[in-house]
C-alpha atoms as a PDB file:
ATOM      1  CA  MET A   1     -16.861 -10.516   2.543  1.00  0.00           C
ATOM      2  CA  SER A   2     -18.225  -6.998   2.293  1.00  0.00           C
ATOM      3  CA  ALA A   3     -16.896  -4.129   4.479  1.00  0.00           C
ATOM      4  CA  GLY A   4     -20.011  -4.155   6.574  1.00  0.00           C
ATOM      5  CA  ARG A   5     -19.875  -7.910   7.270  1.00  0.00           C
ATOM      6  CA  ILE A   6     -16.134  -7.648   8.279  1.00  0.00           C
ATOM      7  CA  ALA A   7     -17.043  -4.658  10.693  1.00  0.00           C
ATOM      8  CA  LYS A   8     -19.810  -6.608  12.227  1.00  0.00           C
ATOM      9  CA  ARG A   9     -17.601  -9.451  12.519  1.00  0.00           C
ATOM     10  CA  LEU A  10     -15.182  -7.498  14.296  1.00  0.00           C
ATOM     11  CA  LYS A  11     -17.830  -5.667  16.029  1.00  0.00           C
ATOM     12  CA  LEU A  12     -16.758  -2.286  14.680  1.00  0.00           C
ATOM     13  CA  PRO A  13     -18.666   0.265  12.866  1.00  0.00           C
ATOM     14  CA  SER A  14     -18.189   0.463   8.871  1.00  0.00           C
ATOM     15  CA  ILE A  15     -17.323   3.800   7.502  1.00  0.00           C
ATOM     16  CA  PRO A  16     -18.286   4.547   3.934  1.00  0.00           C
ATOM     17  CA  CYS A  17     -15.567   6.010   1.851  1.00  0.00           C
ATOM     18  CA  LEU A  18     -15.008   7.203  -1.577  1.00  0.00           C
ATOM     19  CA  VAL A  19     -11.417   7.604  -3.179  1.00  0.00           C
ATOM     20  CA  ASN A  20     -10.782   9.694  -6.157  1.00  0.00           C
ATOM     21  CA  TYR A  21      -8.038   8.796  -8.578  1.00  0.00           C
ATOM     22  CA  GLY A  22      -8.355  10.219 -12.002  1.00  0.00           C
ATOM     23  CA  ARG A  23      -6.522   8.907 -15.140  1.00  0.00           C
ATOM     24  CA  GLU A  24      -5.136  10.927 -17.966  1.00  0.00           C
ATOM     25  CA  GLY A  25      -8.278  11.895 -20.183  1.00  0.00           C
ATOM     26  CA  ASN A  26     -10.454  11.168 -17.192  1.00  0.00           C
ATOM     27  CA  SER A  27     -11.310  14.083 -14.852  1.00  0.00           C
ATOM     28  CA  GLY A  28     -11.594  11.989 -11.917  1.00  0.00           C
ATOM     29  CA  THR A  29     -13.937   9.086 -11.194  1.00  0.00           C
ATOM     30  CA  SER A  30     -15.222   8.061  -7.855  1.00  0.00           C
ATOM     31  CA  TRP A  31     -14.323   4.606  -6.641  1.00  0.00           C
ATOM     32  CA  GLU A  32     -16.065   3.125  -3.678  1.00  0.00           C
ATOM     33  CA  VAL A  33     -13.674   1.468  -1.480  1.00  0.00           C
ATOM     34  CA  SER A  34     -15.129  -1.298   0.588  1.00  0.00           C
ATOM     35  CA  ALA A  35     -12.866  -3.370   2.968  1.00  0.00           C
ATOM     36  CA  SER A  36      -9.987  -1.238   2.436  1.00  0.00           C
ATOM     37  CA  CYS A  37     -12.035   1.703   4.329  1.00  0.00           C
ATOM     38  CA  LEU A  38     -13.510  -0.596   6.888  1.00  0.00           C
ATOM     39  CA  ILE A  39     -12.466   1.368   9.946  1.00  0.00           C
ATOM     40  CA  ALA A  40      -8.831   2.376  10.205  1.00  0.00           C
ATOM     41  CA  ALA A  41      -8.930   3.956  13.318  1.00  0.00           C
ATOM     42  CA  VAL A  42     -11.385   3.852  16.435  1.00  0.00           C
ATOM     43  CA  SER A  43     -10.760   6.666  18.606  1.00  0.00           C
ATOM     44  CA  GLY A  44      -7.119   7.129  17.203  1.00  0.00           C
ATOM     45  CA  ILE A  45      -5.976   3.557  17.706  1.00  0.00           C
ATOM     46  CA  PHE A  46      -5.439   1.023  14.873  1.00  0.00           C
ATOM     47  CA  ALA A  47      -4.602  -2.469  15.519  1.00  0.00           C
ATOM     48  CA  ALA A  48      -4.893  -4.627  12.268  1.00  0.00           C
ATOM     49  CA  MET A  49      -7.005  -4.944   9.089  1.00  0.00           C
ATOM     50  CA  GLU A  50      -8.009  -7.633   6.860  1.00  0.00           C
ATOM     51  CA  LEU A  51      -8.491  -6.525   3.345  1.00  0.00           C
ATOM     52  CA  SER A  52     -10.640  -8.064   0.742  1.00  0.00           C
ATOM     53  CA  LEU A  53     -10.532  -8.061  -3.064  1.00  0.00           C
ATOM     54  CA  THR A  54     -12.844 -10.184  -5.292  1.00  0.00           C
ATOM     55  CA  ASP A  55      -9.911 -12.331  -7.261  1.00  0.00           C
ATOM     56  CA  LEU A  56      -6.461 -12.842  -6.234  1.00  0.00           C
ATOM     57  CA  ASN A  57      -5.729 -14.269  -9.765  1.00  0.00           C
ATOM     58  CA  ASP A  58      -5.672 -10.531 -11.063  1.00  0.00           C
ATOM     59  CA  GLY A  59      -2.402  -9.938  -9.266  1.00  0.00           C
ATOM     60  CA  TYR A  60      -0.586  -9.684  -5.849  1.00  0.00           C
ATOM     61  CA  ALA A  61      -2.817  -8.150  -3.251  1.00  0.00           C
ATOM     62  CA  VAL A  62      -2.312  -7.140   0.409  1.00  0.00           C
ATOM     63  CA  GLN A  63      -4.715  -9.463   2.264  1.00  0.00           C
ATOM     64  CA  SER A  64      -4.072  -8.242   5.781  1.00  0.00           C
ATOM     65  CA  TYR A  65      -1.292  -6.410   7.875  1.00  0.00           C
ATOM     66  CA  ALA A  66      -0.719  -6.088  11.533  1.00  0.00           C
ATOM     67  CA  GLU A  67       2.299  -4.895  13.697  1.00  0.00           C
ATOM     68  CA  GLY A  68       5.415  -6.868  12.085  1.00  0.00           C
ATOM     69  CA  LEU A  69       3.596  -8.801   9.200  1.00  0.00           C
ATOM     70  CA  VAL A  70       1.968  -8.152   5.782  1.00  0.00           C
ATOM     71  CA  VAL A  71      -0.028 -11.035   4.155  1.00  0.00           C
ATOM     72  CA  ILE A  72       0.125 -10.970   0.327  1.00  0.00           C
ATOM     73  CA  ASN A  73      -1.700 -13.861  -1.512  1.00  0.00           C
ATOM     74  CA  GLN A  74      -1.754 -16.007   1.487  1.00  0.00           C
ATOM     75  CA  GLN A  75       2.054 -15.601   1.911  1.00  0.00           C
ATOM     76  CA  THR A  76       2.998 -14.022   5.310  1.00  0.00           C
ATOM     77  CA  HIS A  77       5.928 -11.428   5.230  1.00  0.00           C
ATOM     78  CA  SER A  78       7.676 -10.132   8.257  1.00  0.00           C
ATOM     79  CA  ARG A  79      10.480  -8.012   6.595  1.00  0.00           C
ATOM     80  CA  SER A  80      10.381  -4.916   4.302  1.00  0.00           C
ATOM     81  CA  LEU A  81       9.203  -6.032   0.991  1.00  0.00           C
ATOM     82  CA  ILE A  82       8.087  -4.620  -2.628  1.00  0.00           C
ATOM     83  CA  VAL A  83       4.760  -5.747  -3.870  1.00  0.00           C
ATOM     84  CA  MET A  84       3.814  -5.244  -7.581  1.00  0.00           C
ATOM     85  CA  PRO A  85       0.612  -6.627  -9.490  1.00  0.00           C
ATOM     86  CA  ASP A  86       3.052  -9.219 -11.031  1.00  0.00           C
ATOM     87  CA  ARG A  87       5.620 -10.023  -8.376  1.00  0.00           C
ATOM     88  CA  VAL A  88       6.746  -9.809  -4.864  1.00  0.00           C
ATOM     89  CA  ILE A  89       9.988  -8.967  -3.912  1.00  0.00           C
ATOM     90  CA  PRO A  90      10.784 -10.024  -0.530  1.00  0.00           C
ATOM     91  CA  ASP A  91      13.486  -8.810   1.972  1.00  0.00           C
ATOM     92  CA  TRP A  92      13.610  -5.355   0.531  1.00  0.00           C
ATOM     93  CA  ARG A  93      17.195  -4.037   1.967  1.00  0.00           C
ATOM     94  CA  PRO A  94      15.951  -1.436   4.236  1.00  0.00           C
ATOM     95  CA  HIS A  95      14.560  -2.936   7.493  1.00  0.00           C
ATOM     96  CA  SER A  96      13.608   0.465   8.732  1.00  0.00           C
ATOM     97  CA  PHE A  97      13.104   4.174   7.921  1.00  0.00           C
ATOM     98  CA  GLU A  98      16.537   5.051   9.010  1.00  0.00           C
ATOM     99  CA  ASP A  99      17.945   2.535   7.006  1.00  0.00           C
ATOM    100  CA  LEU A 100      16.687   4.372   3.766  1.00  0.00           C
ATOM    101  CA  VAL A 101      19.526   5.331   1.398  1.00  0.00           C
ATOM    102  CA  GLY A 102      19.694   6.670  -2.180  1.00  0.00           C
ATOM    103  CA  GLU A 103      20.347   3.168  -3.730  1.00  0.00           C
ATOM    104  CA  ASP A 104      17.170   1.717  -2.309  1.00  0.00           C
ATOM    105  CA  PHE A 105      15.147   4.405  -4.419  1.00  0.00           C
ATOM    106  CA  GLN A 106      17.293   3.769  -7.406  1.00  0.00           C
ATOM    107  CA  TYR A 107      16.316   0.171  -7.179  1.00  0.00           C
ATOM    108  CA  LEU A 108      12.584   1.351  -7.044  1.00  0.00           C
ATOM    109  CA  ALA A 109      12.962   3.349  -9.915  1.00  0.00           C
ATOM    110  CA  ASP A 110      14.437   0.662 -11.897  1.00  0.00           C
ATOM    111  CA  LEU A 111      11.433  -1.266 -11.594  1.00  0.00           C
ATOM    112  CA  GLU A 112       9.708   1.459 -13.478  1.00  0.00           C
ATOM    113  CA  PRO A 113       6.258   1.385 -12.102  1.00  0.00           C
ATOM    114  CA  GLU A 114       3.705   4.052 -12.980  1.00  0.00           C
ATOM    115  CA  ILE A 115       3.396   4.795  -9.515  1.00  0.00           C
ATOM    116  CA  LEU A 116       5.274   4.015  -6.457  1.00  0.00           C
ATOM    117  CA  VAL A 117       3.563   4.114  -2.880  1.00  0.00           C
ATOM    118  CA  LEU A 118       6.265   4.021  -0.055  1.00  0.00           C
ATOM    119  CA  GLY A 119       5.054   2.615   3.337  1.00  0.00           C
ATOM    120  CA  THR A 120       7.403   4.052   6.232  1.00  0.00           C
ATOM    121  CA  GLY A 121       6.025   1.822   9.207  1.00  0.00           C
ATOM    122  CA  ALA A 122       3.626   2.566  11.786  1.00  0.00           C
ATOM    123  CA  ARG A 123       3.644   6.324  11.071  1.00  0.00           C
ATOM    124  CA  GLN A 124       4.326   8.596   8.090  1.00  0.00           C
ATOM    125  CA  ARG A 125       7.639   9.801   7.562  1.00  0.00           C
ATOM    126  CA  PHE A 126       9.247  11.860   4.913  1.00  0.00           C
ATOM    127  CA  PRO A 127      12.614  10.823   3.781  1.00  0.00           C
ATOM    128  CA  SER A 128      15.094  13.604   2.444  1.00  0.00           C
ATOM    129  CA  PRO A 129      14.275  14.574  -0.982  1.00  0.00           C
ATOM    130  CA  ALA A 130      17.916  13.962  -2.330  1.00  0.00           C
ATOM    131  CA  LEU A 131      17.246  10.071  -1.458  1.00  0.00           C
ATOM    132  CA  TYR A 132      14.283   9.825  -4.038  1.00  0.00           C
ATOM    133  CA  THR A 133      15.778  11.965  -6.923  1.00  0.00           C
ATOM    134  CA  PRO A 134      15.909   8.693  -9.068  1.00  0.00           C
ATOM    135  CA  ILE A 135      12.080   8.323  -8.706  1.00  0.00           C
ATOM    136  CA  MET A 136      11.446  11.973  -9.652  1.00  0.00           C
ATOM    137  CA  THR A 137      13.962  12.063 -12.561  1.00  0.00           C
ATOM    138  CA  LYS A 138      12.078   9.240 -14.097  1.00  0.00           C
ATOM    139  CA  GLY A 139       8.875  10.877 -13.610  1.00  0.00           C
ATOM    140  CA  ILE A 140       7.251   8.037 -11.427  1.00  0.00           C
ATOM    141  CA  GLY A 141       4.291   9.153  -9.341  1.00  0.00           C
ATOM    142  CA  PHE A 142       5.270   8.948  -5.926  1.00  0.00           C
ATOM    143  CA  GLU A 143       3.380   8.964  -2.681  1.00  0.00           C
ATOM    144  CA  ILE A 144       4.547   8.481   0.950  1.00  0.00           C
ATOM    145  CA  MET A 145       2.455   7.400   3.618  1.00  0.00           C
ATOM    146  CA  ASP A 146       2.408   5.097   6.723  1.00  0.00           C
ATOM    147  CA  THR A 147       2.324   1.211   5.825  1.00  0.00           C
ATOM    148  CA  ALA A 148      -1.287   0.641   6.586  1.00  0.00           C
ATOM    149  CA  ALA A 149      -2.220   3.462   4.243  1.00  0.00           C
ATOM    150  CA  ALA A 150       0.062   2.166   1.570  1.00  0.00           C
ATOM    151  CA  CYS A 151      -1.438  -1.331   1.720  1.00  0.00           C
ATOM    152  CA  ARG A 152      -4.795   0.069   1.121  1.00  0.00           C
ATOM    153  CA  THR A 153      -3.918   2.477  -1.558  1.00  0.00           C
ATOM    154  CA  TYR A 154      -1.692  -0.244  -3.421  1.00  0.00           C
ATOM    155  CA  ASN A 155      -4.695  -2.577  -3.559  1.00  0.00           C
ATOM    156  CA  ILE A 156      -6.922   0.205  -4.966  1.00  0.00           C
ATOM    157  CA  LEU A 157      -4.460   1.160  -7.437  1.00  0.00           C
ATOM    158  CA  MET A 158      -3.879  -2.574  -8.581  1.00  0.00           C
ATOM    159  CA  ALA A 159      -7.502  -3.280  -8.702  1.00  0.00           C
ATOM    160  CA  GLU A 160      -7.614  -0.372 -11.151  1.00  0.00           C
ATOM    161  CA  GLY A 161      -5.065  -2.126 -13.329  1.00  0.00           C
ATOM    162  CA  ARG A 162      -2.256   0.506 -12.511  1.00  0.00           C
ATOM    163  CA  GLN A 163       1.400  -0.236 -12.838  1.00  0.00           C
ATOM    164  CA  VAL A 164       1.815   0.468  -9.080  1.00  0.00           C
ATOM    165  CA  ALA A 165       4.584  -0.814  -6.775  1.00  0.00           C
ATOM    166  CA  ALA A 166       4.300  -0.597  -3.007  1.00  0.00           C
ATOM    167  CA  ALA A 167       7.557  -0.636  -1.110  1.00  0.00           C
ATOM    168  CA  LEU A 168       6.536  -1.447   2.369  1.00  0.00           C
ATOM    169  CA  MET A 169       8.487  -1.275   5.656  1.00  0.00           C
ATOM    170  CA  MET A 170       6.714  -3.141   8.723  1.00  0.00           C
ATOM    171  CA  ILE A 171       4.484  -1.529  11.417  1.00  0.00           C
END
């Protein structure tokens, strides 16, 4: 379903959006994002979003998220988790941002993704840089954002065929 049709069904305006993710040797290709840019905020308020990819057989994709849940390939998760194109690791140890410790980041680094997206819950929060030293030491690309943005970003990168991992804490 197109972003416009979803927006119409939800009685929300659709916002066109371009995201620029360049690969090595590529000066930056613009990728049009459809449902993932559906409308993240109306008057600064965000409730829930349903995302759409063309083929779930290409890997694990975030289909929707809302407060207290993330749906991946038709399976609902209500605790922190890690999602990668080839697997989902449910019940990731930290249940909240305050629970994050260095061992959590070591675990993520040992997964060896090309890019790690950390979703910190309802709002973007930055952990102490000392905690994510294992990520930096291995040269893994690292982005920190709220969980809603992390879900959308993960889907874009996964659809591009990137080796991405999203570590998601509930909204």
